[in-house]
Amino acid sequence: EAMIVAAGGGARVMSLADGRSKMSKSDENDYSRINVLDPPKLIRDKIKKCKTDALPGIEWNNPERPEATNLLNIYAAVQPTGGKGKEEIREEVKDMTWGEFKPLLAEAVVEHLEPIQVRYKEVRDDEDYLMGVLGDGAASANEVAGKTLNAARVAMGFTPRAVL
């Protein structure tokens, strides 16, 4: 089942190293991003070391504090369905220090990714299932490609291939 984030809440996640740059798997700094398969200890470490500021309190949408907005957006994005909304989060964290908020964020991210990581491991450990899914996908792709190729041949004036 797809996990789709509602518009305006975490759709564009910024770098942990620079709150003005988009998080990217191609960034050389592995600590600039959270990878879906990062172990919990590494996720906690990355969040603990991510860039923040020295200003008191944590607030959303202050252009002078892009890292605060980014970390709050990540926190909002990993809330369970029907969980805390933006206003509730704002109230929860407004008087926190980064030292208090970062572990809260890290645990929320770890809990959010855990079922994905568990399912990934189950699929990777079941070689027969994985090969079956890959085989079904290849057969489906070949069928679509064959129809497209035949349509292109006909459009160019060639005789369509006989289906065997």
N, C-alpha and C. Protein backbone atom coordinates (compact mmCIF):
# COMPACT_ATOMS: atom_id res chain seq x y z
N GLU A 1 0.85 -1.18 0.00
CA GLU A 1 0.00 0.00 0.00
C GLU A 1 0.90 1.24 0.00
N ALA A 2 0.60 2.18 -0.87
CA ALA A 2 1.41 3.40 -0.98
C ALA A 2 1.16 4.31 0.20
N MET A 3 2.23 4.97 0.65
CA MET A 3 2.11 5.97 1.71
C MET A 3 2.29 7.33 1.06
N ILE A 4 1.20 8.05 0.88
CA ILE A 4 1.24 9.33 0.18
C ILE A 4 1.04 10.45 1.19
N VAL A 5 1.97 11.38 1.22
CA VAL A 5 1.90 12.50 2.14
C VAL A 5 0.96 13.55 1.57
N ALA A 6 0.10 14.09 2.41
CA ALA A 6 -0.84 15.13 1.97
C ALA A 6 -0.08 16.36 1.49
N ALA A 7 -0.63 17.05 0.52
CA ALA A 7 0.01 18.25 -0.04
C ALA A 7 0.29 19.25 1.06
N GLY A 8 1.47 19.87 0.97
CA GLY A 8 1.84 20.91 1.91
C GLY A 8 2.47 20.38 3.18
N GLY A 9 2.59 19.10 3.34
CA GLY A 9 3.15 18.55 4.58
C GLY A 9 4.25 17.56 4.31
N GLY A 10 5.44 18.03 4.02
CA GLY A 10 6.56 17.14 3.88
C GLY A 10 6.79 16.61 2.49
N ALA A 11 6.08 17.11 1.49
CA ALA A 11 6.23 16.61 0.13
C ALA A 11 7.64 16.87 -0.40
N ARG A 12 8.27 17.94 0.03
CA ARG A 12 9.64 18.23 -0.38
C ARG A 12 10.47 18.28 0.89
N VAL A 13 11.25 17.24 1.10
CA VAL A 13 12.07 17.13 2.29
C VAL A 13 13.44 17.71 2.00
N MET A 14 13.87 18.57 2.87
CA MET A 14 15.14 19.25 2.67
C MET A 14 16.27 18.47 3.35
N SER A 15 17.50 18.81 2.98
CA SER A 15 18.70 18.17 3.49
C SER A 15 18.85 18.35 5.00
N LEU A 16 19.38 17.34 5.66
CA LEU A 16 19.67 17.45 7.09
C LEU A 16 20.90 18.32 7.33
N ALA A 17 21.71 18.50 6.29
CA ALA A 17 22.93 19.31 6.41
C ALA A 17 22.70 20.77 6.04
N ASP A 18 21.64 21.04 5.27
CA ASP A 18 21.34 22.40 4.83
C ASP A 18 19.85 22.49 4.53
N GLY A 19 19.13 23.18 5.39
CA GLY A 19 17.68 23.26 5.27
C GLY A 19 17.18 24.01 4.05
N ARG A 20 18.08 24.55 3.23
CA ARG A 20 17.67 25.26 2.02
C ARG A 20 17.86 24.40 0.77
N SER A 21 18.49 23.23 0.92
CA SER A 21 18.74 22.33 -0.22
C SER A 21 17.88 21.09 -0.09
N LYS A 22 17.42 20.56 -1.22
CA LYS A 22 16.57 19.38 -1.22
C LYS A 22 17.37 18.15 -0.78
N MET A 23 16.74 17.29 0.02
CA MET A 23 17.38 16.04 0.41
C MET A 23 17.58 15.20 -0.84
N SER A 24 18.79 14.65 -1.01
CA SER A 24 19.09 13.92 -2.22
C SER A 24 19.97 12.71 -1.93
N LYS A 25 19.61 11.58 -2.54
CA LYS A 25 20.42 10.38 -2.36
C LYS A 25 21.76 10.49 -3.07
N SER A 26 21.89 11.47 -3.99
CA SER A 26 23.16 11.63 -4.71
C SER A 26 24.14 12.55 -3.96
N ASP A 27 23.69 13.16 -2.86
CA ASP A 27 24.59 13.99 -2.06
C ASP A 27 25.69 13.10 -1.50
N GLU A 28 26.94 13.56 -1.59
CA GLU A 28 28.07 12.77 -1.10
C GLU A 28 28.00 12.54 0.40
N ASN A 29 27.40 13.47 1.13
CA ASN A 29 27.30 13.38 2.58
C ASN A 29 26.12 12.51 2.97
N ASP A 30 26.38 11.30 3.43
CA ASP A 30 25.31 10.38 3.82
C ASP A 30 24.50 10.95 4.98
N TYR A 31 25.09 11.83 5.76
CA TYR A 31 24.39 12.42 6.91
C TYR A 31 23.45 13.56 6.48
N SER A 32 23.34 13.82 5.19
CA SER A 32 22.43 14.85 4.70
C SER A 32 21.03 14.29 4.46
N ARG A 33 20.88 12.96 4.59
CA ARG A 33 19.61 12.32 4.25
C ARG A 33 19.34 11.13 5.16
N ILE A 34 18.08 10.74 5.18
CA ILE A 34 17.67 9.51 5.85
C ILE A 34 17.27 8.54 4.76
N ASN A 35 17.98 7.43 4.69
CA ASN A 35 17.67 6.39 3.71
C ASN A 35 16.62 5.46 4.30
N VAL A 36 15.72 4.96 3.49
CA VAL A 36 14.62 4.12 3.96
C VAL A 36 15.15 2.90 4.71
N LEU A 37 16.29 2.37 4.32
CA LEU A 37 16.82 1.17 4.95
C LEU A 37 17.89 1.45 6.00
N ASP A 38 18.09 2.70 6.39
CA ASP A 38 19.04 3.01 7.46
C ASP A 38 18.59 2.32 8.74
N PRO A 39 19.53 1.70 9.47
CA PRO A 39 19.15 1.09 10.75
C PRO A 39 18.77 2.19 11.76
N PRO A 40 17.94 1.83 12.74
CA PRO A 40 17.48 2.83 13.73
C PRO A 40 18.61 3.62 14.39
N LYS A 41 19.69 2.95 14.74
CA LYS A 41 20.81 3.66 15.40
C LYS A 41 21.38 4.74 14.49
N LEU A 42 21.51 4.44 13.20
CA LEU A 42 22.05 5.41 12.25
C LEU A 42 21.07 6.57 12.05
N ILE A 43 19.78 6.29 11.99
CA ILE A 43 18.78 7.35 11.86
C ILE A 43 18.88 8.29 13.05
N ARG A 44 18.96 7.72 14.25
CA ARG A 44 19.07 8.55 15.45
C ARG A 44 20.33 9.41 15.40
N ASP A 45 21.42 8.81 14.95
CA ASP A 45 22.69 9.53 14.87
C ASP A 45 22.63 10.66 13.85
N LYS A 46 22.03 10.40 12.69
CA LYS A 46 21.92 11.43 11.65
C LYS A 46 21.08 12.60 12.14
N ILE A 47 19.98 12.31 12.81
CA ILE A 47 19.12 13.39 13.31
C ILE A 47 19.81 14.14 14.44
N LYS A 48 20.51 13.43 15.27
CA LYS A 48 21.24 14.07 16.37
C LYS A 48 22.28 15.06 15.83
N LYS A 49 22.90 14.71 14.71
CA LYS A 49 23.97 15.54 14.15
C LYS A 49 23.50 16.52 13.09
N CYS A 50 22.19 16.53 12.76
CA CYS A 50 21.72 17.40 11.68
C CYS A 50 21.84 18.87 12.09
N LYS A 51 21.91 19.72 11.07
CA LYS A 51 22.12 21.14 11.28
C LYS A 51 20.88 21.79 11.90
N THR A 52 21.11 22.57 12.95
CA THR A 52 20.06 23.36 13.57
C THR A 52 20.66 24.72 13.93
N ASP A 53 19.88 25.57 14.57
CA ASP A 53 20.37 26.89 14.95
C ASP A 53 20.43 27.00 16.47
N ALA A 54 20.88 28.14 16.95
CA ALA A 54 21.02 28.34 18.40
C ALA A 54 19.88 29.17 18.99
N LEU A 55 18.87 29.48 18.18
CA LEU A 55 17.76 30.30 18.66
C LEU A 55 16.86 29.49 19.58
N PRO A 56 16.26 30.14 20.58
CA PRO A 56 15.37 29.42 21.50
C PRO A 56 14.04 29.06 20.83
N GLY A 57 13.46 27.95 21.27
CA GLY A 57 12.17 27.51 20.72
C GLY A 57 12.32 26.93 19.33
N ILE A 58 11.26 26.28 18.91
CA ILE A 58 11.26 25.67 17.57
C ILE A 58 10.01 26.17 16.87
N GLU A 59 10.19 26.74 15.69
CA GLU A 59 9.05 27.32 14.98
C GLU A 59 9.04 26.96 13.51
N TRP A 60 7.84 27.00 12.95
CA TRP A 60 7.61 26.68 11.55
C TRP A 60 7.65 27.95 10.71
N ASN A 61 8.06 27.82 9.46
CA ASN A 61 7.91 28.85 8.43
C ASN A 61 8.59 30.19 8.73
N ASN A 62 9.68 30.16 9.48
CA ASN A 62 10.49 31.37 9.66
C ASN A 62 11.61 31.27 8.63
N PRO A 63 11.66 32.20 7.65
CA PRO A 63 12.67 32.10 6.59
C PRO A 63 14.10 32.13 7.12
N GLU A 64 14.28 32.63 8.32
CA GLU A 64 15.61 32.67 8.93
C GLU A 64 15.98 31.33 9.58
N ARG A 65 15.00 30.42 9.63
CA ARG A 65 15.22 29.13 10.31
C ARG A 65 14.76 27.96 9.43
N PRO A 66 15.38 27.80 8.25
CA PRO A 66 14.93 26.73 7.34
C PRO A 66 15.08 25.33 7.92
N GLU A 67 16.09 25.12 8.75
CA GLU A 67 16.29 23.80 9.34
C GLU A 67 15.16 23.46 10.31
N ALA A 68 14.67 24.46 11.05
CA ALA A 68 13.55 24.22 11.97
C ALA A 68 12.31 23.80 11.18
N THR A 69 12.02 24.53 10.12
CA THR A 69 10.86 24.19 9.29
C THR A 69 11.02 22.80 8.70
N ASN A 70 12.21 22.47 8.23
CA ASN A 70 12.45 21.16 7.63
C ASN A 70 12.22 20.04 8.64
N LEU A 71 12.80 20.16 9.82
CA LEU A 71 12.66 19.09 10.81
C LEU A 71 11.22 18.97 11.29
N LEU A 72 10.52 20.08 11.40
CA LEU A 72 9.10 20.02 11.77
C LEU A 72 8.27 19.39 10.66
N ASN A 73 8.61 19.68 9.41
CA ASN A 73 7.90 19.04 8.28
C ASN A 73 8.12 17.54 8.27
N ILE A 74 9.34 17.12 8.57
CA ILE A 74 9.63 15.68 8.64
C ILE A 74 8.81 15.05 9.76
N TYR A 75 8.80 15.71 10.92
CA TYR A 75 8.04 15.21 12.07
C TYR A 75 6.56 15.09 11.72
N ALA A 76 6.02 16.10 11.05
CA ALA A 76 4.61 16.07 10.66
C ALA A 76 4.35 14.94 9.66
N ALA A 77 5.28 14.72 8.73
CA ALA A 77 5.10 13.72 7.68
C ALA A 77 5.09 12.29 8.22
N VAL A 78 5.76 12.05 9.33
CA VAL A 78 5.85 10.69 9.85
C VAL A 78 4.82 10.40 10.95
N GLN A 79 3.90 11.32 11.16
CA GLN A 79 2.83 11.08 12.14
C GLN A 79 1.90 10.01 11.59
N PRO A 80 1.41 9.13 12.46
CA PRO A 80 0.45 8.12 12.00
C PRO A 80 -0.79 8.79 11.42
N THR A 81 -1.50 8.09 10.55
CA THR A 81 -2.73 8.61 9.96
C THR A 81 -3.67 9.03 11.08
N GLY A 82 -4.18 10.25 10.96
CA GLY A 82 -5.07 10.78 12.00
C GLY A 82 -4.31 11.26 13.22
N GLY A 83 -2.98 11.30 13.12
CA GLY A 83 -2.15 11.73 14.25
C GLY A 83 -2.16 13.24 14.42
N LYS A 84 -1.09 13.74 14.99
CA LYS A 84 -0.98 15.16 15.30
C LYS A 84 -0.99 16.03 14.05
N GLY A 85 -1.74 17.10 14.12
CA GLY A 85 -1.75 18.08 13.04
C GLY A 85 -0.71 19.15 13.31
N LYS A 86 -0.58 20.05 12.36
CA LYS A 86 0.44 21.11 12.44
C LYS A 86 0.30 21.95 13.71
N GLU A 87 -0.92 22.33 14.04
CA GLU A 87 -1.13 23.18 15.23
C GLU A 87 -0.77 22.42 16.50
N GLU A 88 -1.15 21.16 16.57
CA GLU A 88 -0.84 20.35 17.74
C GLU A 88 0.68 20.17 17.88
N ILE A 89 1.35 19.96 16.77
CA ILE A 89 2.81 19.82 16.80
C ILE A 89 3.44 21.14 17.23
N ARG A 90 2.98 22.24 16.66
CA ARG A 90 3.52 23.55 17.01
C ARG A 90 3.43 23.78 18.53
N GLU A 91 2.29 23.45 19.10
CA GLU A 91 2.09 23.62 20.54
C GLU A 91 3.01 22.69 21.33
N GLU A 92 3.16 21.46 20.85
CA GLU A 92 3.99 20.46 21.53
C GLU A 92 5.46 20.87 21.61
N VAL A 93 5.98 21.48 20.53
CA VAL A 93 7.42 21.71 20.45
C VAL A 93 7.87 23.15 20.68
N LYS A 94 6.93 24.08 20.81
CA LYS A 94 7.29 25.50 20.83
C LYS A 94 8.32 25.88 21.89
N ASP A 95 8.31 25.22 23.04
CA ASP A 95 9.24 25.55 24.12
C ASP A 95 10.38 24.56 24.25
N MET A 96 10.46 23.61 23.32
CA MET A 96 11.53 22.60 23.39
C MET A 96 12.86 23.16 22.90
N THR A 97 13.92 22.54 23.37
CA THR A 97 15.24 22.81 22.82
C THR A 97 15.49 21.76 21.74
N TRP A 98 16.53 21.97 20.94
CA TRP A 98 16.85 20.96 19.92
C TRP A 98 17.22 19.64 20.59
N GLY A 99 17.88 19.71 21.73
CA GLY A 99 18.25 18.50 22.46
C GLY A 99 17.05 17.69 22.91
N GLU A 100 15.92 18.34 23.10
CA GLU A 100 14.69 17.63 23.47
C GLU A 100 13.92 17.17 22.23
N PHE A 101 13.95 17.99 21.19
CA PHE A 101 13.16 17.67 20.00
C PHE A 101 13.78 16.59 19.12
N LYS A 102 15.09 16.63 18.94
CA LYS A 102 15.73 15.67 18.03
C LYS A 102 15.47 14.21 18.39
N PRO A 103 15.56 13.80 19.68
CA PRO A 103 15.23 12.40 20.00
C PRO A 103 13.76 12.06 19.71
N LEU A 104 12.86 13.03 19.93
CA LEU A 104 11.45 12.85 19.62
C LEU A 104 11.26 12.62 18.12
N LEU A 105 11.91 13.43 17.32
CA LEU A 105 11.87 13.29 15.86
C LEU A 105 12.46 11.97 15.43
N ALA A 106 13.62 11.62 15.98
CA ALA A 106 14.29 10.37 15.60
C ALA A 106 13.40 9.17 15.87
N GLU A 107 12.75 9.12 17.02
CA GLU A 107 11.88 7.99 17.34
C GLU A 107 10.68 7.94 16.40
N ALA A 108 10.14 9.10 16.06
CA ALA A 108 9.00 9.13 15.14
C ALA A 108 9.41 8.60 13.76
N VAL A 109 10.59 8.97 13.29
CA VAL A 109 11.08 8.50 11.98
C VAL A 109 11.34 6.99 12.03
N VAL A 110 11.99 6.54 13.09
CA VAL A 110 12.29 5.10 13.24
C VAL A 110 10.99 4.30 13.24
N GLU A 111 10.00 4.75 14.01
CA GLU A 111 8.71 4.04 14.08
C GLU A 111 7.99 4.05 12.72
N HIS A 112 8.12 5.14 12.00
CA HIS A 112 7.47 5.24 10.69
C HIS A 112 8.11 4.29 9.67
N LEU A 113 9.42 4.17 9.72
CA LEU A 113 10.14 3.35 8.73
C LEU A 113 10.17 1.87 9.09
N GLU A 114 9.94 1.54 10.35
CA GLU A 114 10.05 0.15 10.79
C GLU A 114 9.20 -0.83 9.98
N PRO A 115 7.89 -0.57 9.75
CA PRO A 115 7.12 -1.55 8.97
C PRO A 115 7.61 -1.69 7.53
N ILE A 116 8.13 -0.62 6.97
CA ILE A 116 8.67 -0.67 5.60
C ILE A 116 9.92 -1.54 5.59
N GLN A 117 10.78 -1.35 6.59
CA GLN A 117 12.02 -2.13 6.67
C GLN A 117 11.73 -3.61 6.94
N VAL A 118 10.74 -3.88 7.78
CA VAL A 118 10.37 -5.27 8.07
C VAL A 118 9.85 -5.95 6.79
N ARG A 119 8.98 -5.27 6.07
CA ARG A 119 8.42 -5.84 4.83
C ARG A 119 9.52 -6.05 3.78
N TYR A 120 10.43 -5.10 3.67
CA TYR A 120 11.54 -5.21 2.73
C TYR A 120 12.35 -6.48 3.04
N LYS A 121 12.66 -6.68 4.31
CA LYS A 121 13.44 -7.85 4.72
C LYS A 121 12.68 -9.14 4.41
N GLU A 122 11.36 -9.15 4.66
CA GLU A 122 10.55 -10.34 4.35
C GLU A 122 10.62 -10.67 2.86
N VAL A 123 10.48 -9.66 2.02
CA VAL A 123 10.49 -9.88 0.57
C VAL A 123 11.88 -10.34 0.12
N ARG A 124 12.93 -9.69 0.62
CA ARG A 124 14.29 -10.06 0.22
C ARG A 124 14.67 -11.46 0.68
N ASP A 125 14.11 -11.88 1.81
CA ASP A 125 14.43 -13.20 2.35
C ASP A 125 13.65 -14.33 1.67
N ASP A 126 12.59 -14.00 0.93
CA ASP A 126 11.78 -15.01 0.26
C ASP A 126 12.11 -14.99 -1.24
N GLU A 127 13.16 -15.72 -1.59
CA GLU A 127 13.69 -15.73 -2.95
C GLU A 127 12.63 -16.17 -3.98
N ASP A 128 11.85 -17.19 -3.64
CA ASP A 128 10.83 -17.68 -4.58
C ASP A 128 9.78 -16.60 -4.86
N TYR A 129 9.31 -15.94 -3.82
CA TYR A 129 8.32 -14.87 -3.98
C TYR A 129 8.89 -13.74 -4.83
N LEU A 130 10.10 -13.32 -4.50
CA LEU A 130 10.74 -12.21 -5.20
C LEU A 130 10.93 -12.55 -6.68
N MET A 131 11.42 -13.74 -6.99
CA MET A 131 11.61 -14.12 -8.39
C MET A 131 10.27 -14.22 -9.12
N GLY A 132 9.24 -14.66 -8.41
CA GLY A 132 7.90 -14.73 -9.01
C GLY A 132 7.38 -13.34 -9.37
N VAL A 133 7.53 -12.39 -8.46
CA VAL A 133 7.08 -11.02 -8.72
C VAL A 133 7.87 -10.42 -9.88
N LEU A 134 9.19 -10.63 -9.88
CA LEU A 134 10.03 -10.10 -10.96
C LEU A 134 9.65 -10.75 -12.31
N GLY A 135 9.38 -12.05 -12.29
CA GLY A 135 8.98 -12.75 -13.51
C GLY A 135 7.64 -12.25 -14.03
N ASP A 136 6.68 -12.05 -13.13
CA ASP A 136 5.37 -11.52 -13.53
C ASP A 136 5.52 -10.12 -14.12
N GLY A 137 6.36 -9.31 -13.51
CA GLY A 137 6.59 -7.95 -14.02
C GLY A 137 7.23 -7.97 -15.39
N ALA A 138 8.20 -8.85 -15.58
CA ALA A 138 8.86 -8.95 -16.88
C ALA A 138 7.88 -9.42 -17.95
N ALA A 139 7.03 -10.39 -17.62
CA ALA A 139 6.04 -10.89 -18.59
C ALA A 139 5.06 -9.78 -18.97
N SER A 140 4.63 -9.02 -17.99
CA SER A 140 3.71 -7.90 -18.23
C SER A 140 4.35 -6.85 -19.12
N ALA A 141 5.59 -6.50 -18.80
CA ALA A 141 6.32 -5.49 -19.59
C ALA A 141 6.52 -5.98 -21.02
N ASN A 142 6.86 -7.24 -21.19
CA ASN A 142 7.05 -7.79 -22.54
C ASN A 142 5.76 -7.75 -23.35
N GLU A 143 4.64 -8.03 -22.71
CA GLU A 143 3.36 -8.00 -23.41
C GLU A 143 3.05 -6.58 -23.90
N VAL A 144 3.23 -5.59 -23.03
CA VAL A 144 2.97 -4.20 -23.41
C VAL A 144 3.95 -3.76 -24.50
N ALA A 145 5.22 -4.12 -24.34
CA ALA A 145 6.23 -3.74 -25.33
C ALA A 145 5.94 -4.38 -26.68
N GLY A 146 5.50 -5.62 -26.67
CA GLY A 146 5.18 -6.31 -27.93
C GLY A 146 4.05 -5.62 -28.68
N LYS A 147 3.01 -5.22 -27.94
CA LYS A 147 1.89 -4.51 -28.58
C LYS A 147 2.36 -3.17 -29.15
N THR A 148 3.18 -2.48 -28.39
CA THR A 148 3.70 -1.17 -28.85
C THR A 148 4.57 -1.35 -30.09
N LEU A 149 5.43 -2.35 -30.06
CA LEU A 149 6.31 -2.60 -31.21
C LEU A 149 5.50 -2.97 -32.45
N ASN A 150 4.49 -3.81 -32.29
CA ASN A 150 3.64 -4.16 -33.44
C ASN A 150 2.91 -2.94 -33.98
N ALA A 151 2.41 -2.08 -33.10
CA ALA A 151 1.72 -0.86 -33.54
C ALA A 151 2.69 0.04 -34.31
N ALA A 152 3.93 0.12 -33.86
CA ALA A 152 4.93 0.94 -34.56
C ALA A 152 5.24 0.34 -35.92
N ARG A 153 5.36 -0.97 -36.01
CA ARG A 153 5.62 -1.63 -37.30
C ARG A 153 4.49 -1.35 -38.30
N VAL A 154 3.26 -1.47 -37.84
CA VAL A 154 2.11 -1.22 -38.71
C VAL A 154 2.12 0.24 -39.15
N ALA A 155 2.37 1.16 -38.24
CA ALA A 155 2.38 2.59 -38.56
C ALA A 155 3.47 2.92 -39.59
N MET A 156 4.56 2.15 -39.59
CA MET A 156 5.65 2.39 -40.54
C MET A 156 5.46 1.60 -41.84
N GLY A 157 4.38 0.82 -41.94
CA GLY A 157 4.09 0.10 -43.17
C GLY A 157 4.63 -1.31 -43.21
N PHE A 158 5.16 -1.81 -42.13
CA PHE A 158 5.64 -3.19 -42.10
C PHE A 158 4.53 -4.12 -41.69
N THR A 159 4.68 -5.37 -42.03
CA THR A 159 3.70 -6.37 -41.64
C THR A 159 3.88 -6.67 -40.16
N PRO A 160 2.77 -6.73 -39.43
CA PRO A 160 2.90 -7.05 -38.00
C PRO A 160 3.42 -8.47 -37.82
N ARG A 161 4.15 -8.66 -36.75
CA ARG A 161 4.68 -9.98 -36.45
C ARG A 161 3.56 -10.93 -36.06
N ALA A 162 3.71 -12.16 -36.47
CA ALA A 162 2.73 -13.19 -36.07
C ALA A 162 2.90 -13.48 -34.60
N VAL A 163 1.79 -13.62 -33.92
CA VAL A 163 1.84 -13.96 -32.49
C VAL A 163 2.00 -15.46 -32.39
N LEU A 164 3.03 -15.90 -31.69
CA LEU A 164 3.30 -17.33 -31.55
C LEU A 164 2.71 -17.86 -30.28
